[in-house]
Protein backbone atom coordinates (compact mmCIF):
# COMPACT_ATOMS: atom_id res chain seq x y z
CA UNK A 1 0.00 0.00 0.00
CA UNK A 2 1.31 3.47 -0.93
CA UNK A 3 2.22 5.61 2.07
CA UNK A 4 0.27 8.89 1.87
CA UNK A 5 0.82 10.00 5.47
CA UNK A 6 3.05 12.90 4.41
CA UNK A 7 0.46 14.14 1.96
CA UNK A 8 -1.57 13.17 -1.07
CA UNK A 9 -2.70 14.76 -4.32
CA UNK A 10 -5.68 14.25 -6.63
CA UNK A 11 -4.72 14.81 -10.24
CA UNK A 12 -6.66 13.69 -13.29
CA UNK A 13 -8.76 11.27 -11.27
CA UNK A 14 -5.78 9.60 -9.57
CA UNK A 15 -4.67 9.82 -5.95
CA UNK A 16 -0.90 9.90 -5.66
CA UNK A 17 1.76 10.77 -3.06
CA UNK A 18 2.21 14.52 -2.92
CA UNK A 19 5.90 14.06 -3.76
CA UNK A 20 4.85 12.81 -7.19
CA UNK A 21 2.39 15.63 -7.97
CA UNK A 22 3.35 18.12 -10.69
CA UNK A 23 2.01 20.42 -13.40
CA UNK A 24 3.61 21.18 -16.75
CA UNK A 25 6.18 23.92 -17.16
CA UNK A 26 4.00 25.67 -19.79
CA UNK A 27 0.87 25.68 -17.62
CA UNK A 28 -0.35 29.27 -17.27
CA UNK A 29 -1.05 28.46 -13.64
CA UNK A 30 2.75 28.37 -13.27
CA UNK A 31 3.98 30.84 -15.88
CA UNK A 32 1.32 33.49 -15.22
CA UNK A 33 0.38 32.66 -11.61
CA UNK A 34 -3.10 32.21 -13.11
CA UNK A 35 -4.80 30.13 -10.47
CA UNK A 36 -7.87 30.23 -8.25
CA UNK A 37 -7.70 28.09 -5.16
CA UNK A 38 -9.00 27.56 -1.68
CA UNK A 39 -7.94 25.75 1.46
CA UNK A 40 -10.28 23.92 3.81
CA UNK A 41 -9.10 22.56 7.17
CA UNK A 42 -9.66 19.02 8.33
CA UNK A 43 -9.84 18.60 12.10
CA UNK A 44 -10.34 15.35 14.01
CA UNK A 45 -11.46 13.49 10.91
CA UNK A 46 -13.88 15.99 9.39
CA UNK A 47 -13.83 18.99 7.08
CA UNK A 48 -14.70 22.25 8.82
CA UNK A 49 -17.26 24.46 7.02
CA UNK A 50 -16.67 22.58 3.77
CA UNK A 51 -19.79 23.96 2.08
CA UNK A 52 -18.61 27.54 2.73
CA UNK A 53 -15.16 26.83 1.33
CA UNK A 54 -16.67 25.16 -1.74
CA UNK A 55 -18.94 28.17 -2.27
CA UNK A 56 -15.97 30.52 -2.27
CA UNK A 57 -13.80 28.27 -4.43
CA UNK A 58 -16.45 27.88 -7.10
CA UNK A 59 -17.16 31.63 -7.02
CA UNK A 60 -13.43 32.25 -7.57
CA UNK A 61 -13.36 29.78 -10.47
CA UNK A 62 -16.32 31.56 -12.07
CA UNK A 63 -14.75 34.98 -11.49
CA UNK A 64 -11.59 33.79 -13.24
CA UNK A 65 -13.73 32.54 -16.15
CA UNK A 66 -12.44 28.99 -15.86
CA UNK A 67 -14.20 25.75 -16.67
CA UNK A 68 -12.66 22.85 -14.77
CA UNK A 69 -15.18 20.33 -16.21
CA UNK A 70 -16.19 19.24 -12.72
CA UNK A 71 -19.29 20.16 -10.76
CA UNK A 72 -19.55 20.80 -7.04
CA UNK A 73 -20.28 17.20 -6.10
CA UNK A 74 -17.31 15.97 -8.14
CA UNK A 75 -14.95 18.45 -6.47
CA UNK A 76 -16.26 17.43 -3.07
CA UNK A 77 -15.90 13.76 -3.98
CA UNK A 78 -12.28 14.28 -5.04
CA UNK A 79 -11.46 15.97 -1.74
CA UNK A 80 -13.24 13.26 0.26
CA UNK A 81 -11.48 10.45 -1.59
CA UNK A 82 -8.05 12.06 -1.36
CA UNK A 83 -8.15 12.83 2.37
CA UNK A 84 -9.77 9.48 3.09
CA UNK A 85 -6.95 7.69 1.26
CA UNK A 86 -4.29 9.74 3.05
CA UNK A 87 -5.52 8.75 6.50
CA UNK A 88 -4.82 12.28 7.76
CA UNK A 89 -7.11 13.19 10.66
CA UNK A 90 -5.89 16.80 10.85
CA UNK A 91 -5.00 18.28 7.49
CA UNK A 92 -4.54 21.34 5.31
CA UNK A 93 -6.47 20.65 2.10
CA UNK A 94 -6.10 22.72 -1.08
CA UNK A 95 -8.42 22.70 -4.08
CA UNK A 96 -6.97 24.37 -7.17
CA UNK A 97 -8.18 25.54 -10.57
CA UNK A 98 -5.32 26.29 -12.98
CA UNK A 99 -5.57 28.06 -16.32
CA UNK A 100 -3.63 25.21 -17.86
CA UNK A 101 -1.47 24.90 -20.97
CA UNK A 102 -2.33 26.68 -24.21
CA UNK A 103 -2.25 24.10 -27.02
CA UNK A 104 -2.43 26.70 -29.79
CA UNK A 105 1.12 27.61 -30.91
CA UNK A 106 1.85 31.26 -30.27
CA UNK A 107 -1.59 32.00 -28.79
CA UNK A 108 -1.87 34.59 -26.03
CA UNK A 109 -5.63 34.07 -25.79
CA UNK A 110 -6.62 32.71 -22.34
CA UNK A 111 -9.75 31.19 -23.90
CA UNK A 112 -7.53 28.65 -25.68
CA UNK A 113 -6.12 27.27 -22.43
CA UNK A 114 -7.14 23.88 -21.08
CA UNK A 115 -8.32 24.66 -17.55
CA UNK A 116 -7.99 21.87 -15.01
CA UNK A 117 -8.59 20.99 -11.38
CA UNK A 118 -6.28 19.36 -8.90
CA UNK A 119 -6.10 19.05 -5.12
CA UNK A 120 -3.62 18.19 -2.44
CA UNK A 121 -3.45 17.68 1.30
CA UNK A 122 -0.72 17.66 3.92
CA UNK A 123 -0.72 17.39 7.72
CA UNK A 124 -2.44 20.39 9.32
CA UNK A 125 -0.53 23.65 8.88
CA UNK A 126 -0.34 26.34 11.56
CA UNK A 127 0.76 29.63 9.96
CA UNK A 128 2.11 30.58 13.40
CA UNK A 129 3.41 27.78 15.59
CA UNK A 130 0.93 27.01 18.39
CA UNK A 131 3.35 27.79 21.21
CA UNK A 132 4.08 31.21 19.71
CA UNK A 133 0.38 31.86 19.11
CA UNK A 134 -0.26 31.04 22.77
CA UNK A 135 2.35 33.66 23.75
CA UNK A 136 1.21 36.18 21.14
CA UNK A 137 2.93 36.56 17.79
CA UNK A 138 4.81 39.53 16.32
CA UNK A 139 3.80 41.41 13.17
CA UNK A 140 5.82 43.83 11.03
CA UNK A 141 4.01 46.40 8.90
CA UNK A 142 5.69 46.38 5.50
CA UNK A 143 7.28 49.71 4.64
CA UNK A 144 8.57 49.05 1.12
CA UNK A 145 5.41 47.59 -0.43
CA UNK A 146 1.63 48.09 -0.34
CA UNK A 147 -1.10 45.51 -0.95
CA UNK A 148 -1.96 44.95 -4.61
CA UNK A 149 -4.87 47.35 -5.27
CA UNK A 150 -8.27 45.67 -5.31
CA UNK A 151 -8.97 47.13 -8.78
CA UNK A 152 -5.86 45.35 -10.08
CA UNK A 153 -6.29 41.91 -8.49
CA UNK A 154 -9.55 41.16 -6.71
CA UNK A 155 -8.55 39.98 -3.21
CA UNK A 156 -11.91 38.23 -2.76
CA UNK A 157 -10.77 35.74 -5.43
CA UNK A 158 -8.22 33.58 -3.63
CA UNK A 159 -5.16 33.58 -5.86
CA UNK A 160 -1.42 32.92 -6.04
CA UNK A 161 -0.29 36.56 -6.40
CA UNK A 162 2.13 36.77 -3.47
CA UNK A 163 4.82 39.17 -4.70
CA UNK A 164 3.77 41.88 -2.25
CA UNK A 165 3.44 39.44 0.65
CA UNK A 166 6.86 37.92 -0.08
CA UNK A 167 8.53 41.34 -0.03
CA UNK A 168 6.81 42.08 3.26
CA UNK A 169 7.91 38.76 4.73
CA UNK A 170 11.54 39.48 3.89
CA UNK A 171 11.21 42.81 5.71
CA UNK A 172 9.62 41.11 8.71
CA UNK A 173 12.24 38.39 8.93
CA UNK A 174 15.05 40.95 8.57
CA UNK A 175 13.56 42.72 11.62
CA UNK A 176 13.15 39.38 13.45
CA UNK A 177 9.36 39.51 13.37
CA UNK A 178 7.23 36.44 12.68
CA UNK A 179 5.03 37.75 9.89
CA UNK A 180 3.97 40.85 7.97
CA UNK A 181 0.90 43.03 7.52
CA UNK A 182 0.31 45.18 4.42
CA UNK A 183 -1.43 48.53 4.13
CA UNK A 184 -3.33 49.81 1.13
CA UNK A 185 -2.38 53.02 -0.68
CA UNK A 186 -4.65 55.06 1.61
CA UNK A 187 -2.89 53.82 4.76
CA UNK A 188 -5.59 51.35 5.80
CA UNK A 189 -4.86 47.92 7.27
CA UNK A 190 -5.53 45.13 4.75
CA UNK A 191 -4.24 41.59 5.36
CA UNK A 192 -1.14 39.44 5.63
CA UNK A 193 0.08 36.23 4.02
CA UNK A 194 -2.73 33.82 4.84
CA UNK A 195 -4.61 35.84 7.44
CA UNK A 196 -7.10 38.61 8.16
CA UNK A 197 -6.51 41.17 10.91
CA UNK A 198 -8.80 42.21 13.78
CA UNK A 199 -8.58 45.05 16.29
CA UNK A 200 -10.44 45.11 19.63
CA UNK A 201 -11.64 48.36 21.17
CA UNK A 202 -13.41 47.63 24.43
CA UNK A 203 -16.54 45.71 23.38
CA UNK A 204 -16.02 46.33 19.64
CA UNK A 205 -14.24 44.04 17.18
CA UNK A 206 -13.21 45.69 13.91
CA UNK A 207 -11.81 44.16 10.71
CA UNK A 208 -11.31 45.51 7.21
CA UNK A 209 -14.06 45.00 4.63
CA UNK A 210 -12.06 45.92 1.51
CA UNK A 211 -8.69 45.08 0.04
CA UNK A 212 -8.87 41.68 1.74
CA UNK A 213 -9.95 38.10 1.19
CA UNK A 214 -13.26 37.57 2.96
CA UNK A 215 -11.89 34.61 4.84
CA UNK A 216 -14.07 31.78 6.06
CA UNK A 217 -12.20 31.89 9.37
CA UNK A 218 -12.81 35.67 9.34
CA UNK A 219 -16.53 34.89 9.02
CA UNK A 220 -16.27 32.37 11.85
CA UNK A 221 -14.60 34.97 14.08
CA UNK A 222 -17.31 37.54 13.34
CA UNK A 223 -19.97 34.96 14.22
CA UNK A 224 -18.18 33.91 17.43
CA UNK A 225 -17.62 37.53 18.48
CA UNK A 226 -21.28 38.44 17.91
CA UNK A 227 -22.38 35.36 19.85
CA UNK A 228 -20.19 36.49 22.77
CA UNK A 229 -21.77 39.94 22.82
CA UNK A 230 -19.17 41.94 20.93
CA UNK A 231 -20.27 44.63 18.51
CA UNK A 232 -18.67 43.70 15.18
CA UNK A 233 -17.67 46.21 12.52
CA UNK A 234 -16.43 45.47 9.01
CA UNK A 235 -15.07 48.69 7.53
CA UNK A 236 -11.83 50.45 6.60
CA UNK A 237 -9.35 50.29 9.48
CA UNK A 238 -6.77 53.11 9.30
CA UNK A 239 -3.35 52.32 10.71
CA UNK A 240 -3.61 55.23 13.14
CA UNK A 241 -6.74 53.62 14.58
CA UNK A 242 -5.02 50.25 14.92
CA UNK A 243 -2.37 51.81 17.17
CA UNK A 244 -5.13 52.73 19.64
CA UNK A 245 -6.57 49.20 19.85
CA UNK A 246 -6.71 47.30 23.13
CA UNK A 247 -5.87 44.06 21.34
CA UNK A 248 -4.92 42.81 17.90
CA UNK A 249 -5.32 39.29 16.57
CA UNK A 250 -5.22 37.39 13.29
CA UNK A 251 -7.54 34.80 11.77
CA UNK A 252 -6.52 31.97 9.46
CA UNK A 253 -7.63 28.51 8.40
CA UNK A 254 -4.12 27.56 9.50
CA UNK A 255 -4.52 28.00 13.24
CA UNK A 256 -7.79 29.82 13.83
CA UNK A 257 -7.50 32.89 16.07
CA UNK A 258 -3.88 33.99 16.60
CA UNK A 259 -3.23 36.62 19.30
CA UNK A 260 -0.73 39.38 18.51
CA UNK A 261 1.62 40.64 21.22
CA UNK A 262 3.49 43.21 19.13
CA UNK A 263 3.10 45.20 15.90
CA UNK A 264 6.29 47.01 14.94
CA UNK A 265 7.46 48.55 18.23
CA UNK A 266 3.96 48.80 19.71
CA UNK A 267 3.18 46.15 22.31
CA UNK A 268 -0.45 45.18 22.91
CA UNK A 269 -1.89 43.72 26.12
CA UNK A 270 1.51 44.21 27.80
CA UNK A 271 3.15 42.05 25.17
CA UNK A 272 0.84 39.09 25.68
CA UNK A 273 -2.45 37.72 24.27
CA UNK A 274 -5.42 39.84 25.29
CA UNK A 275 -8.54 38.38 26.94
CA UNK A 276 -10.77 38.67 23.87
CA UNK A 277 -8.21 36.93 21.64
CA UNK A 278 -7.64 34.17 24.20
CA UNK A 279 -11.37 33.53 24.52
CA UNK A 280 -11.98 33.57 20.78
CA UNK A 281 -9.00 31.27 20.18
CA UNK A 282 -10.42 28.71 22.61
CA UNK A 283 -13.89 29.09 21.13
CA UNK A 284 -12.58 28.51 17.61
CA UNK A 285 -11.17 25.11 18.56
CA UNK A 286 -14.46 24.29 20.25
CA UNK A 287 -16.34 25.22 17.07
CA UNK A 288 -14.07 22.91 15.07
CA UNK A 289 -15.83 20.10 16.94
CA UNK A 290 -19.37 21.42 16.32
CA UNK A 291 -21.33 18.75 14.36
CA UNK A 292 -23.31 21.42 12.47
CA UNK A 293 -20.08 22.73 10.92
CA UNK A 294 -18.40 19.39 10.18
CA UNK A 295 -18.42 17.06 7.18
CA UNK A 296 -17.02 13.69 8.36
CA UNK A 297 -14.50 11.92 6.14
CA UNK A 298 -14.83 8.31 5.09
CA UNK A 299 -11.42 6.74 5.62
CA UNK A 300 -10.22 3.70 3.68
């Protein structure tokens, strides 16, 4: 039996070890970063909010004007079969639509490309290591780069355009910070590589509503916060307002709610996770176990 414990991929109807997965060097998904994708977490043997992630993925595929020749049930079936074969009980699962190769010699017409779907899974990914998240992570606001404008690349379509994030990450690592946060050209907080950003002001929780991916974990946080009696606001969040926050935290499918202890030289909650972030982090892991939000996996 093939060992898939380090990860598996679904490509062209076959489930293979992730180490054997590849796409062609002329695929526009590679050469043009022309891809729509999404990532759904698997926790304790079940997908979390799978229907919501499928909704967003298929909306991204449509927005990119791709036809992957698979319907919703077939995409879901591929994900189920792949994770089931891998045996992974906690996993990071990607579904991908690539523009594909262009079989017409010399054509620059994207309509000629052969769009295709593939998927892959690996053991669950925390974008910030759990022990650091428990202490509160550190975030550097990129100075040399701003977030790609939303009228250039739509951030609500999950994509592979990471040039701005990568530049910001180099800055952050050079300053010995864990991760980076990008501003837009008006000086508003947007997002970071793989996460949305929240600020807490007393009983209010604020997160940006533009220039960002409308994350499924972001939605979960807004629902949890409202259920706990917070007033939630989705609107532009100027950097100057962020500095006045009582707490800051991140949200990601790779780790849930991640408290922030420091942004640049500003320390929040005395350099430790704040009470709202700690409570929401615990609640997120409780919600991962909620039957109403889970789609159990059938393992081989």
